Protein backbone atom coordinates (compact mmCIF):
# COMPACT_ATOMS: atom_id res chain seq x y z
CA UNK A 1 -29.60 -18.80 -45.02
CA UNK A 2 -29.33 -16.29 -42.13
CA UNK A 3 -26.13 -14.43 -41.41
CA UNK A 4 -26.45 -14.32 -37.64
CA UNK A 5 -24.74 -17.18 -35.82
CA UNK A 6 -24.66 -18.08 -32.16
CA UNK A 7 -21.05 -18.17 -30.89
CA UNK A 8 -19.72 -21.22 -29.25
CA UNK A 9 -19.09 -21.11 -25.52
CA UNK A 10 -15.29 -20.97 -25.89
CA UNK A 11 -15.45 -17.93 -28.18
CA UNK A 12 -18.01 -16.21 -25.97
CA UNK A 13 -15.77 -16.76 -22.88
CA UNK A 14 -12.73 -15.35 -24.71
CA UNK A 15 -14.74 -12.24 -25.60
CA UNK A 16 -15.88 -11.88 -22.00
CA UNK A 17 -12.33 -12.35 -20.82
CA UNK A 18 -11.39 -9.11 -22.63
CA UNK A 19 -13.70 -7.14 -20.33
CA UNK A 20 -12.80 -8.96 -17.08
CA UNK A 21 -9.10 -9.93 -17.54
CA UNK A 22 -6.99 -7.27 -19.26
CA UNK A 23 -3.64 -8.21 -17.69
CA UNK A 24 -2.21 -10.25 -14.80
CA UNK A 25 -3.34 -7.59 -12.32
CA UNK A 26 -7.00 -8.28 -13.34
CA UNK A 27 -6.55 -11.97 -12.67
CA UNK A 28 -5.07 -11.40 -9.24
CA UNK A 29 -7.85 -8.89 -8.33
CA UNK A 30 -10.63 -11.32 -9.27
CA UNK A 31 -9.04 -14.28 -7.46
CA UNK A 32 -8.31 -12.24 -4.34
CA UNK A 33 -11.89 -10.95 -4.30
CA UNK A 34 -13.13 -14.61 -4.45
CA UNK A 35 -10.79 -15.39 -1.57
CA UNK A 36 -12.16 -12.56 0.53
CA UNK A 37 -15.74 -13.63 -0.23
CA UNK A 38 -14.75 -17.06 0.93
CA UNK A 39 -13.98 -15.67 4.43
CA UNK A 40 -10.14 -16.13 4.05
CA UNK A 41 -7.97 -14.80 6.85
CA UNK A 42 -4.61 -15.44 5.05
CA UNK A 43 -4.02 -14.77 1.33
CA UNK A 44 -0.75 -15.50 -0.47
CA UNK A 45 0.00 -14.23 -3.91
CA UNK A 46 3.01 -15.70 -5.80
CA UNK A 47 4.30 -14.21 -9.04
CA UNK A 48 6.83 -15.33 -11.66
CA UNK A 49 7.97 -12.74 -14.21
CA UNK A 50 5.32 -10.23 -12.99
CA UNK A 51 2.55 -12.88 -13.33
CA UNK A 52 3.03 -13.15 -17.10
CA UNK A 53 4.62 -16.53 -16.83
CA UNK A 54 2.92 -17.79 -13.74
CA UNK A 55 0.86 -16.56 -10.80
CA UNK A 56 -1.04 -18.23 -7.97
CA UNK A 57 -3.40 -17.17 -5.22
CA UNK A 58 -3.70 -19.28 -2.05
CA UNK A 59 -6.30 -18.73 0.68
CA UNK A 60 -7.53 -20.45 3.84
CA UNK A 61 -11.19 -19.78 3.12
CA UNK A 62 -14.15 -22.15 3.21
CA UNK A 63 -13.12 -23.91 0.00
CA UNK A 64 -15.42 -25.96 -2.33
CA UNK A 65 -16.53 -29.58 -2.68
CA UNK A 66 -16.00 -31.51 -5.86
CA UNK A 67 -19.26 -30.47 -7.39
CA UNK A 68 -18.78 -26.75 -6.84
CA UNK A 69 -15.20 -27.03 -8.10
CA UNK A 70 -16.40 -27.88 -11.61
CA UNK A 71 -19.46 -25.68 -11.61
CA UNK A 72 -17.28 -22.67 -10.68
CA UNK A 73 -15.75 -22.70 -14.13
CA UNK A 74 -19.15 -22.51 -15.91
CA UNK A 75 -20.17 -19.05 -17.11
CA UNK A 76 -22.57 -17.12 -14.81
CA UNK A 77 -22.21 -19.74 -12.08
CA UNK A 78 -22.00 -17.99 -8.68
CA UNK A 79 -22.91 -18.54 -5.03
CA UNK A 80 -23.09 -14.74 -4.29
CA UNK A 81 -26.53 -14.09 -5.69
CA UNK A 82 -29.54 -16.22 -6.54
CA UNK A 83 -31.97 -14.07 -8.52
CA UNK A 84 -32.35 -10.58 -10.07
CA UNK A 85 -33.66 -9.08 -6.80
CA UNK A 86 -30.26 -9.74 -5.16
CA UNK A 87 -28.63 -7.25 -7.55
CA UNK A 88 -30.17 -4.46 -5.53
CA UNK A 89 -28.32 -5.39 -2.38
CA UNK A 90 -24.92 -6.91 -3.11
CA UNK A 91 -22.84 -7.68 0.01
CA UNK A 92 -19.94 -9.44 -1.69
CA UNK A 93 -17.10 -8.35 -3.83
CA UNK A 94 -17.91 -10.75 -6.65
CA UNK A 95 -21.30 -11.71 -7.96
CA UNK A 96 -21.20 -12.01 -11.77
CA UNK A 97 -19.83 -15.48 -12.13
CA UNK A 98 -17.60 -14.53 -15.06
CA UNK A 99 -14.10 -14.27 -13.60
CA UNK A 100 -13.07 -17.99 -13.41
CA UNK A 101 -14.44 -19.07 -16.86
CA UNK A 102 -12.93 -15.92 -18.42
CA UNK A 103 -9.48 -16.62 -16.87
CA UNK A 104 -9.67 -20.32 -17.85
CA UNK A 105 -10.46 -19.47 -21.45
CA UNK A 106 -7.16 -17.55 -21.96
CA UNK A 107 -4.72 -19.51 -19.75
CA UNK A 108 -3.84 -22.80 -18.16
CA UNK A 109 -5.58 -23.06 -14.77
CA UNK A 110 -5.02 -25.48 -12.00
CA UNK A 111 -7.16 -25.38 -8.88
CA UNK A 112 -6.69 -27.22 -5.64
CA UNK A 113 -9.56 -26.81 -3.19
CA UNK A 114 -11.02 -28.37 -0.07
CA UNK A 115 -14.06 -27.66 2.07
CA UNK A 116 -12.52 -29.47 5.00
CA UNK A 117 -14.01 -32.84 4.19
CA UNK A 118 -12.92 -33.57 0.66
CA UNK A 119 -10.27 -32.16 -1.67
CA UNK A 120 -10.46 -31.73 -5.39
CA UNK A 121 -8.06 -30.82 -8.21
CA UNK A 122 -9.26 -29.35 -11.53
CA UNK A 123 -7.02 -28.69 -14.50
CA UNK A 124 -8.23 -26.56 -17.46
CA UNK A 125 -6.24 -25.43 -20.53
CA UNK A 126 -7.67 -22.57 -22.58
CA UNK A 127 -11.25 -23.42 -21.86
CA UNK A 128 -11.01 -27.28 -21.99
CA UNK A 129 -11.14 -29.45 -18.92
CA UNK A 130 -8.06 -31.66 -18.84
CA UNK A 131 -8.61 -33.46 -15.59
CA UNK A 132 -10.70 -33.34 -12.41
CA UNK A 133 -10.52 -35.64 -9.37
CA UNK A 134 -9.75 -36.10 -5.67
CA UNK A 135 -6.76 -34.31 -4.23
CA UNK A 136 -5.39 -34.16 -0.66
CA UNK A 137 -4.95 -30.52 0.50
CA UNK A 138 -5.73 -28.24 3.46
CA UNK A 139 -9.06 -26.40 3.65
CA UNK A 140 -9.07 -23.44 1.34
CA UNK A 141 -8.34 -22.83 -2.32
CA UNK A 142 -5.23 -22.45 -4.46
CA UNK A 143 -5.59 -21.30 -8.10
CA UNK A 144 -2.51 -21.30 -10.37
CA UNK A 145 -2.59 -19.46 -13.68
CA UNK A 146 0.12 -20.09 -16.39
CA UNK A 147 0.62 -19.04 -19.94
CA UNK A 148 -1.82 -16.11 -19.72
CA UNK A 149 -2.83 -14.90 -23.24
CA UNK A 150 -0.42 -17.24 -25.01
CA UNK A 151 -3.19 -18.28 -27.42
CA UNK A 152 -4.32 -14.76 -27.89
CA UNK A 153 -1.14 -12.98 -29.13
CA UNK A 154 -3.01 -9.75 -29.84
CA UNK A 155 -3.67 -9.36 -26.17
CA UNK A 156 -0.22 -10.75 -25.15
CA UNK A 157 1.70 -8.13 -27.15
CA UNK A 158 0.00 -5.29 -25.19
CA UNK A 159 1.51 -6.55 -21.92
CA UNK A 160 4.55 -4.59 -20.77
CA UNK A 161 7.59 -5.58 -18.84
CA UNK A 162 7.51 -8.04 -15.94
CA UNK A 163 8.50 -5.21 -13.57
CA UNK A 164 5.57 -3.08 -14.81
CA UNK A 165 2.99 -5.79 -14.55
CA UNK A 166 4.35 -6.82 -11.12
CA UNK A 167 4.07 -3.21 -9.84
CA UNK A 168 0.38 -3.10 -10.86
CA UNK A 169 -0.28 -6.29 -8.89
CA UNK A 170 1.63 -4.97 -5.85
CA UNK A 171 -0.39 -1.73 -6.04
CA UNK A 172 -3.74 -3.61 -6.04
CA UNK A 173 -2.57 -5.75 -3.06
CA UNK A 174 -1.75 -2.57 -1.22
CA UNK A 175 -5.36 -1.51 -1.72
CA UNK A 176 -6.69 -4.87 -0.56
CA UNK A 177 -4.52 -4.61 2.55
CA UNK A 178 -5.91 -1.17 3.40
CA UNK A 179 -9.49 -2.01 2.67
CA UNK A 180 -9.31 -5.31 4.61
CA UNK A 181 -6.72 -4.95 7.37
CA UNK A 182 -8.19 -7.90 9.18
CA UNK A 183 -6.78 -10.20 6.42
CA UNK A 184 -3.06 -11.11 6.29
CA UNK A 185 -1.61 -10.64 2.82
CA UNK A 186 1.66 -12.02 1.55
CA UNK A 187 3.22 -11.24 -1.84
CA UNK A 188 6.10 -13.31 -3.16
CA UNK A 189 7.81 -12.21 -6.38
CA UNK A 190 10.28 -14.45 -8.17
CA UNK A 191 10.90 -16.44 -4.99
CA UNK A 192 11.46 -13.35 -2.71
CA UNK A 193 9.00 -11.91 -0.17
CA UNK A 194 7.92 -8.48 -1.43
CA UNK A 195 5.12 -7.49 0.88
CA UNK A 196 3.40 -8.75 4.06
CA UNK A 197 0.74 -7.59 6.51
CA UNK A 198 -0.11 -9.20 9.83
CA UNK A 199 -3.92 -9.14 9.51
CA UNK A 200 -4.40 -7.93 13.06
CA UNK A 201 -7.16 -5.50 11.94
CA UNK A 202 -5.14 -2.32 12.34
CA UNK A 203 -5.36 0.02 9.36
CA UNK A 204 -2.60 2.19 10.78
CA UNK A 205 -0.26 -0.82 10.84
CA UNK A 206 -1.11 -1.47 7.14
CA UNK A 207 -0.34 2.18 6.35
CA UNK A 208 3.02 1.75 8.15
CA UNK A 209 3.87 -1.41 6.18
CA UNK A 210 2.98 0.29 2.80
CA UNK A 211 4.01 3.95 3.15
CA UNK A 212 6.54 3.89 6.04
CA UNK A 213 6.90 5.34 9.54
CA UNK A 214 6.68 9.11 8.65
CA UNK A 215 3.33 8.63 6.90
CA UNK A 216 1.91 6.47 9.69
CA UNK A 217 3.01 9.02 12.40
CA UNK A 218 1.39 11.80 10.38
CA UNK A 219 -1.94 10.06 9.92
CA UNK A 220 -4.96 11.60 11.66
CA UNK A 221 -7.77 9.17 12.51
CA UNK A 222 -11.25 10.25 11.33
CA UNK A 223 -14.82 9.09 11.89
CA UNK A 224 -17.71 10.81 10.21
CA UNK A 225 -21.30 9.66 9.82
CA UNK A 226 -24.78 10.83 8.87
CA UNK A 227 -28.02 8.96 8.24
CA UNK A 228 -26.70 7.14 5.25
CA UNK A 229 -22.85 6.95 5.45
CA UNK A 230 -20.24 6.05 7.97
CA UNK A 231 -16.67 7.05 7.10
CA UNK A 232 -13.61 5.66 8.92
CA UNK A 233 -9.93 5.94 8.07
CA UNK A 234 -6.94 8.31 8.13
CA UNK A 235 -6.02 11.72 6.68
CA UNK A 236 -2.33 12.34 6.41
CA UNK A 237 -1.24 15.83 7.42
CA UNK A 238 -0.83 18.13 4.42
CA UNK A 239 2.85 18.66 4.83
CA UNK A 240 3.20 15.17 3.31
CA UNK A 241 1.87 15.23 -0.25
CA UNK A 242 2.36 13.50 -3.55
CA UNK A 243 2.58 14.34 -7.19
CA UNK A 244 -0.40 12.21 -8.25
CA UNK A 245 -3.79 10.98 -7.09
CA UNK A 246 -2.51 7.41 -6.72
CA UNK A 247 -2.22 7.80 -2.95
CA UNK A 248 -5.86 8.75 -2.45
CA UNK A 249 -7.84 5.63 -1.47
CA UNK A 250 -11.55 5.67 -1.09
CA UNK A 251 -13.25 2.31 -0.53
CA UNK A 252 -16.99 1.74 -0.68
CA UNK A 253 -18.13 -1.18 1.51
CA UNK A 254 -14.60 -2.58 1.32
CA UNK A 255 -14.62 -2.36 -2.45
CA UNK A 256 -11.84 -0.52 -4.40
CA UNK A 257 -13.34 1.70 -7.08
CA UNK A 258 -12.58 4.53 -9.43
CA UNK A 259 -14.81 7.50 -8.51
CA UNK A 260 -13.62 10.84 -9.72
CA UNK A 261 -16.30 12.89 -7.86
CA UNK A 262 -15.32 11.49 -4.46
CA UNK A 263 -11.56 12.09 -5.19
CA UNK A 264 -12.48 15.65 -6.10
CA UNK A 265 -14.41 16.13 -2.82
CA UNK A 266 -11.33 14.92 -0.86
CA UNK A 267 -9.14 17.37 -2.80
CA UNK A 268 -11.60 20.17 -2.10
CA UNK A 269 -11.41 19.38 1.58
CA UNK A 270 -7.56 19.80 1.40
CA UNK A 271 -7.75 22.85 -0.89
CA UNK A 272 -6.80 25.40 1.70
CA UNK A 273 -3.89 23.41 3.08
CA UNK A 274 -1.85 22.17 0.10
CA UNK A 275 -0.41 23.76 -2.97
CA UNK A 276 -2.33 23.31 -6.19
CA UNK A 277 -0.83 20.43 -8.19
CA UNK A 278 -0.09 18.41 -5.05
CA UNK A 279 -2.34 15.61 -3.78
CA UNK A 280 -2.93 14.31 -0.22
CA UNK A 281 -2.48 10.77 1.17
CA UNK A 282 -5.89 9.61 2.27
CA UNK A 283 -7.30 6.18 3.21
CA UNK A 284 -11.00 6.16 3.81
CA UNK A 285 -13.46 3.25 4.01
CA UNK A 286 -17.13 4.32 3.52
CA UNK A 287 -19.86 2.02 4.76
CA UNK A 288 -23.41 2.31 3.47
CA UNK A 289 -26.56 0.37 2.71
CA UNK A 290 -25.73 -1.80 -0.30
CA UNK A 291 -28.98 -0.60 -1.84
CA UNK A 292 -27.33 2.88 -2.26
CA UNK A 293 -24.44 1.34 -4.22
CA UNK A 294 -24.87 -0.05 -7.76
CA UNK A 295 -21.85 -2.13 -8.67
CA UNK A 296 -23.47 -3.81 -11.68
CA UNK A 297 -22.02 -1.30 -14.09
CA UNK A 298 -19.02 -2.90 -15.68
CA UNK A 299 -17.63 -6.45 -15.56
CA UNK A 300 -14.37 -5.26 -14.03
CA UNK A 301 -16.36 -3.74 -11.13
CA UNK A 302 -14.13 -0.63 -10.94
CA UNK A 303 -16.98 1.65 -11.81
CA UNK A 304 -20.01 2.16 -9.59
CA UNK A 305 -23.04 4.39 -9.16
CA UNK A 306 -24.13 6.05 -5.93
CA UNK A 307 -27.75 6.94 -5.20
CA UNK A 308 -26.82 9.92 -2.91
CA UNK A 309 -23.41 10.90 -4.33
CA UNK A 310 -23.80 14.63 -3.76
CA UNK A 311 -24.64 14.10 -0.14
CA UNK A 312 -21.49 12.04 0.31
CA UNK A 313 -19.40 14.64 -1.50
CA UNK A 314 -20.53 17.39 0.81
CA UNK A 315 -19.92 15.22 3.91
CA UNK A 316 -16.36 14.37 2.79
CA UNK A 317 -15.44 17.96 1.85
CA UNK A 318 -16.80 19.63 4.91
CA UNK A 319 -15.66 17.07 7.49
CA UNK A 320 -12.09 16.85 6.01
CA UNK A 321 -11.75 20.68 6.03
CA UNK A 322 -12.99 20.86 9.67
CA UNK A 323 -10.65 18.05 10.76
CA UNK A 324 -7.63 19.74 9.23
CA UNK A 325 -8.49 23.13 10.71
CA UNK A 326 -8.46 21.58 14.16
CA UNK A 327 -5.31 19.56 13.76
CA UNK A 328 -1.64 20.60 14.29
CA UNK A 329 -0.50 20.41 10.66
CA UNK A 330 3.19 21.10 10.89
CA UNK A 331 5.57 18.15 11.32
CA UNK A 332 7.24 17.80 14.71
CA UNK A 333 10.70 18.34 13.07
CA UNK A 334 9.76 21.92 12.04
CA UNK A 335 9.05 23.19 15.50
CA UNK A 336 12.62 24.49 15.95
CA UNK A 337 12.51 26.48 12.70
CA UNK A 338 16.28 26.99 12.49
CA UNK A 339 16.09 29.59 9.68
CA UNK A 340 13.53 31.80 11.43
CA UNK A 341 16.15 34.21 12.64
CA UNK A 342 17.06 35.28 9.16
CA UNK A 343 13.63 36.46 8.32
CA UNK A 344 11.48 39.34 9.58
CA UNK A 345 7.81 38.67 9.43
CA UNK A 346 5.80 41.41 7.81
CA UNK A 347 2.20 42.33 8.21
CA UNK A 348 0.01 44.12 5.73
CA UNK A 349 0.55 47.87 6.09
CA UNK A 350 -2.96 49.05 5.59
CA UNK A 351 -2.10 52.66 6.60
CA UNK A 352 0.27 52.83 3.63
CA UNK A 353 -2.58 52.38 1.21
CA UNK A 354 -4.43 55.49 2.58
CA UNK A 355 -3.49 59.06 1.82
CA UNK A 356 -1.16 60.41 4.47
CA UNK A 357 -0.65 63.93 5.68
CA UNK A 358 2.65 63.06 7.27
CA UNK A 359 5.67 64.25 5.30
CA UNK A 360 7.88 61.30 6.30
CA UNK A 361 7.95 58.42 3.76
CA UNK A 362 5.94 55.31 4.28
CA UNK A 363 7.40 52.37 6.20
CA UNK A 364 7.14 50.12 3.18
CA UNK A 365 9.20 52.46 1.06
CA UNK A 366 12.03 52.68 3.64
CA UNK A 367 12.89 49.04 3.36
CA UNK A 368 12.78 48.84 -0.45
CA UNK A 369 16.20 48.34 -1.99
CA UNK A 370 17.48 51.59 -3.66
CA UNK A 371 16.68 51.88 -7.34
CA UNK A 372 19.54 52.03 -9.78
CA UNK A 373 17.96 54.87 -11.70
CA UNK A 374 14.96 57.16 -11.47
CA UNK A 375 11.95 56.55 -13.75
CA UNK A 376 12.26 59.13 -16.42
CA UNK A 377 9.54 61.71 -17.18
CA UNK A 378 7.32 61.07 -20.06
CA UNK A 379 8.93 63.84 -22.14
CA UNK A 380 12.39 62.46 -21.68
CA UNK A 381 13.77 59.80 -24.02
CA UNK A 382 13.54 56.21 -22.73
CA UNK A 383 16.78 54.69 -21.68
CA UNK A 384 18.24 51.55 -23.20
CA UNK A 385 16.37 48.50 -21.91
CA UNK A 386 16.54 44.72 -21.75
CA UNK A 387 13.58 43.14 -23.57
CA UNK A 388 12.90 40.62 -20.79
CA UNK A 389 12.56 43.45 -18.22
CA UNK A 390 10.52 45.59 -20.56
CA UNK A 391 7.87 42.92 -21.08
CA UNK A 392 7.33 42.58 -17.37
CA UNK A 393 5.26 45.29 -15.74
CA UNK A 394 7.06 47.59 -13.28
CA UNK A 395 5.77 46.56 -9.83
CA UNK A 396 6.12 48.10 -6.37
CA UNK A 397 5.54 45.71 -3.47
CA UNK A 398 2.77 46.77 -1.01
CA UNK A 399 2.54 43.76 1.23
CA UNK A 400 1.53 40.12 1.62
CA UNK A 401 -2.03 38.69 1.75
CA UNK A 402 -2.96 35.54 3.73
CA UNK A 403 0.66 34.41 3.60
CA UNK A 404 -0.03 33.24 0.05
CA UNK A 405 0.06 36.25 -2.28
CA UNK A 406 2.29 39.24 -2.88
CA UNK A 407 0.41 42.49 -3.56
CA UNK A 408 2.10 44.97 -5.83
CA UNK A 409 1.06 48.32 -7.29
CA UNK A 410 1.73 48.72 -10.98
CA UNK A 411 0.74 51.11 -13.79
CA UNK A 412 -2.19 48.94 -14.86
CA UNK A 413 -3.64 48.58 -11.33
CA UNK A 414 -3.09 46.00 -8.56
CA UNK A 415 -0.95 42.96 -9.27
CA UNK A 416 -1.57 39.82 -7.12
CA UNK A 417 1.41 37.40 -7.35
CA UNK A 418 1.22 33.72 -6.30
CA UNK A 419 4.43 33.50 -4.21
CA UNK A 420 4.81 29.80 -4.80
CA UNK A 421 4.07 29.73 -8.48
CA UNK A 422 6.39 32.74 -9.00
CA UNK A 423 9.37 31.08 -7.38
CA UNK A 424 8.58 27.81 -9.07
CA UNK A 425 9.01 29.53 -12.43
CA UNK A 426 12.28 31.20 -11.28
CA UNK A 427 13.76 27.90 -10.02
CA UNK A 428 12.54 25.95 -13.07
CA UNK A 429 14.51 28.12 -15.45
CA UNK A 430 17.57 28.18 -13.11
CA UNK A 431 17.57 24.36 -12.88
CA UNK A 432 17.29 23.99 -16.64
CA UNK A 433 20.61 25.81 -16.83
CA UNK A 434 22.39 24.32 -13.82
CA UNK A 435 21.63 20.65 -14.59
CA UNK A 436 23.97 20.85 -17.49
CA UNK A 437 26.81 21.55 -15.01
CA UNK A 438 28.42 19.08 -12.65
CA UNK A 439 27.00 19.76 -9.20
CA UNK A 440 28.93 19.85 -5.93
CA UNK A 441 27.99 16.80 -3.98
CA UNK A 442 27.40 16.64 -0.24
CA UNK A 443 27.53 13.44 1.84
CA UNK A 444 24.56 12.85 4.07
CA UNK A 445 25.42 12.45 7.72
CA UNK A 446 22.47 10.00 7.92
CA UNK A 447 21.46 8.37 4.59
CA UNK A 448 18.05 9.41 3.36
CA UNK A 449 15.69 6.44 3.59
CA UNK A 450 12.76 6.01 1.23
CA UNK A 451 9.92 3.43 1.33
CA UNK A 452 9.75 2.57 -2.34
CA UNK A 453 8.23 -0.91 -2.69
CA UNK A 454 9.87 -4.09 -3.93
CA UNK A 455 9.09 -3.38 -7.57
CA UNK A 456 11.09 -0.17 -7.46
CA UNK A 457 13.99 -1.94 -5.82
CA UNK A 458 14.06 -4.40 -8.69
CA UNK A 459 14.15 -1.46 -11.16
CA UNK A 460 17.03 0.26 -9.37
CA UNK A 461 19.21 0.37 -12.46
CA UNK A 462 16.50 2.01 -14.54
CA UNK A 463 15.87 4.62 -11.80
CA UNK A 464 19.55 5.53 -11.55
CA UNK A 465 19.83 5.92 -15.28
CA UNK A 466 16.85 8.25 -15.28
CA UNK A 467 18.43 10.58 -12.60
CA UNK A 468 22.02 10.18 -13.65
CA UNK A 469 22.32 13.83 -14.72
CA UNK A 470 21.54 14.81 -11.13
CA UNK A 471 24.47 12.60 -9.84
CA UNK A 472 22.10 10.98 -7.39
CA UNK A 473 22.50 7.26 -6.77
CA UNK A 474 19.76 5.22 -5.22
CA UNK A 475 20.89 2.02 -3.36
CA UNK A 476 18.77 -0.94 -2.28
CA UNK A 477 18.30 -1.27 1.50
CA UNK A 478 16.20 -4.33 2.23
CA UNK A 479 13.45 -5.73 0.21
CA UNK A 480 11.35 -2.58 -0.31
CA UNK A 481 13.56 0.38 0.74
CA UNK A 482 16.02 2.61 -1.07
CA UNK A 483 18.65 4.86 0.41
CA UNK A 484 20.62 7.87 -0.89
CA UNK A 485 24.02 8.59 0.65
CA UNK A 486 24.91 11.94 -1.08
CA UNK A 487 22.95 14.75 -2.76
CA UNK A 488 23.86 17.95 -4.64
CA UNK A 489 24.52 20.95 -2.40
CA UNK A 490 21.57 22.88 -3.77
CA UNK A 491 19.26 20.14 -2.64
CA UNK A 492 19.80 21.11 1.04
CA UNK A 493 17.65 24.18 0.29
CA UNK A 494 14.72 21.80 -0.40
CA UNK A 495 12.72 19.16 1.42
CA UNK A 496 15.25 16.44 0.43
CA UNK A 497 13.14 13.43 1.40
CA UNK A 498 9.99 14.72 -0.32
CA UNK A 499 11.90 15.61 -3.43
CA UNK A 500 13.46 12.25 -3.72
CA UNK A 501 10.15 10.50 -3.04
CA UNK A 502 8.55 12.59 -5.86
CA UNK A 503 11.29 11.60 -8.27
CA UNK A 504 10.46 7.96 -7.51
CA UNK A 505 6.68 8.57 -7.88
CA UNK A 506 7.31 10.28 -11.29
CA UNK A 507 9.29 7.31 -12.36
CA UNK A 508 6.71 4.87 -11.15
CA UNK A 509 3.94 6.70 -12.98
CA UNK A 510 5.77 6.40 -16.28
CA UNK A 511 6.40 2.75 -15.79
CA UNK A 512 8.54 2.85 -18.91
CA UNK A 513 11.75 4.65 -19.88
CA UNK A 514 10.12 7.75 -21.28
CA UNK A 515 13.01 9.94 -20.26
CA UNK A 516 12.02 13.03 -22.25
CA UNK A 517 8.76 13.30 -20.39
CA UNK A 518 10.33 12.23 -17.15
CA UNK A 519 12.99 14.98 -17.48
CA UNK A 520 10.40 17.77 -17.55
CA UNK A 521 8.63 16.25 -14.52
CA UNK A 522 11.86 15.90 -12.72
CA UNK A 523 12.84 19.52 -13.16
CA UNK A 524 9.35 20.80 -12.30
CA UNK A 525 9.39 18.65 -9.15
CA UNK A 526 12.76 20.05 -8.11
CA UNK A 527 11.60 23.63 -8.75
CA UNK A 528 8.46 23.04 -6.72
CA UNK A 529 10.43 21.83 -3.66
CA UNK A 530 12.79 24.70 -3.72
CA UNK A 531 10.01 27.33 -3.79
CA UNK A 532 8.23 29.26 -1.05
CA UNK A 533 5.26 27.45 0.30
CA UNK A 534 1.86 28.92 1.32
CA UNK A 535 1.39 29.95 4.93
CA UNK A 536 4.89 31.46 4.98
CA UNK A 537 5.32 35.06 6.11
CA UNK A 538 7.77 37.05 3.94
CA UNK A 539 9.74 40.17 4.72
CA UNK A 540 9.56 43.14 2.38
CA UNK A 541 13.08 42.33 1.16
CA UNK A 542 12.10 38.75 0.32
CA UNK A 543 9.02 39.86 -1.54
CA UNK A 544 11.00 42.39 -3.58
CA UNK A 545 13.55 39.71 -4.45
CA UNK A 546 10.79 37.37 -5.67
CA UNK A 547 9.34 40.02 -7.96
CA UNK A 548 12.83 40.94 -9.26
CA UNK A 549 13.70 37.31 -10.00
CA UNK A 550 10.37 36.73 -11.70
CA UNK A 551 10.86 39.83 -14.00
CA UNK A 552 14.08 38.35 -15.34
CA UNK A 553 12.47 34.98 -16.35
CA UNK A 554 12.14 34.07 -19.99
CA UNK A 555 8.44 33.23 -19.33
CA UNK A 556 7.42 35.07 -16.09
CA UNK A 557 3.69 34.59 -16.69
CA UNK A 558 3.20 30.93 -15.96
CA UNK A 559 4.70 28.27 -13.60
CA UNK A 560 6.06 25.03 -15.11
CA UNK A 561 2.61 23.40 -14.57
CA UNK A 562 0.88 26.04 -16.58
CA UNK A 563 -0.68 28.02 -13.69
CA UNK A 564 -0.51 31.87 -13.85
CA UNK A 565 2.16 33.44 -11.67
CA UNK A 566 0.18 36.68 -11.24
CA UNK A 567 -3.06 38.47 -12.15
CA UNK A 568 -3.67 42.16 -12.50
CA UNK A 569 -6.82 43.92 -11.34
CA UNK A 570 -6.80 46.94 -13.63
CA UNK A 571 -8.19 50.31 -12.85
CA UNK A 572 -11.28 49.88 -15.07
CA UNK A 573 -12.25 46.72 -13.21
CA UNK A 574 -11.71 48.25 -9.76
CA UNK A 575 -13.67 51.37 -10.73
CA UNK A 576 -16.57 49.29 -11.99
CA UNK A 577 -16.70 47.37 -8.73
CA UNK A 578 -16.93 50.47 -6.61
CA UNK A 579 -19.43 52.44 -8.75
CA UNK A 580 -22.74 53.07 -7.06
């Protein structure tokens, strides 16, 4: 007797469900995509316990008649395509006909639907039809899912907390709202409204609802096109950045996808305007001929293939760079520059690099702080030294390059210091010591307001526990907003709002209470925000102070993120370059 057996339909559907439905977020994504394909203008998502216990998606789309209501739960049953040729030009978000039977095989599903003439109710429990018959309801479809994965405990145990699962669903609805601003979305979590958009077709309004006023006011509209692609959306000015790529949104024909190469092209476009390790906020919708886009790669439809991907990468990179060059990048609040009077801008003293016949000392040497002792001659015994200073090369500041790098002469050759990375290392080590001490707190005249999302508001106790050593207390302020009323005195030297936002982002990325990992991120974030940024002119005194502080660090060679703080172009390398 043969060993190969044909699996029954129930088992096959459960296997397929593992590819399509990994968690409640996958269920919501598939159901919302079906609602969008059904021409819905209003979509309501309701969650109980993060969708683990119960979730529902209600739309006002075209609905289904009684025949289609039952057929929809059969595997590979779809209205989106009719034959293999249609796979070359897919105009809808769904097309495989696997979502509904996969969901029904691992949960209890109840569907109420109407096409405007007749209503139908269908109830299925773990792949078995319990009931089907007439039902009075408005035009549209409502699908309720309960007991997800209860009969597949291996999958159920991999689900995390209700707050975590709910945050994933909220994030995917954010993406739907930005890719389809013409649709009104409403999210209700445990009986409370968590998120809503008007559906008026304004992407800027959706950005405001999701990321807040400051982000919306800093968004620059863009429109690029060539023979194959049309790109519309917004670039947020680079003074507003984030600690992860989660705020970069690139949609292809209204479809949310994971495409590393396009994200990299966007980052390259911002490369000259933001510090390495920071990421921009970008919302772009790219329209193209569906024949250029292959979405039949994976059942989840997150992965796609582009026929002319390199062309699109070049278009994104070049157009973003040109747009940012021609845009006022600084925030309006920085126009006054209250601290400008304390700093004297310095320009590169090229004359100081050339041999001079004049007897008077160079200008750069006049403003150097006096040395405590003269460098001894080679025949004299070396004085007593501190190991940390000895390991660091003796550097003499020459000037600043492109408002990014500090140039120093040293015995080995020319040292080029990354001014931001250097100060980041200095502040990182200082903060490691100071966080063990009780900081002096300062009340904010106006509380700092942060657009955090309803899931973060629900996790307020976990957040405050994670930042308790900083003596910062987040308070709920409405359904999706947090406020901070007092901060440590040292935080006034930073971009307070951005720093606090990054702390929340770091916490959201972890999703769980991995405080050891969060602690390092937290300190690195604080160090980053206290440090000198690119495009900042430094006086000679400031540059000397940066070098001196770096020399006293335990590890002066790398910033907390692993980037080098300086490189040395030695004499051998320079000589080789100039040989003829």
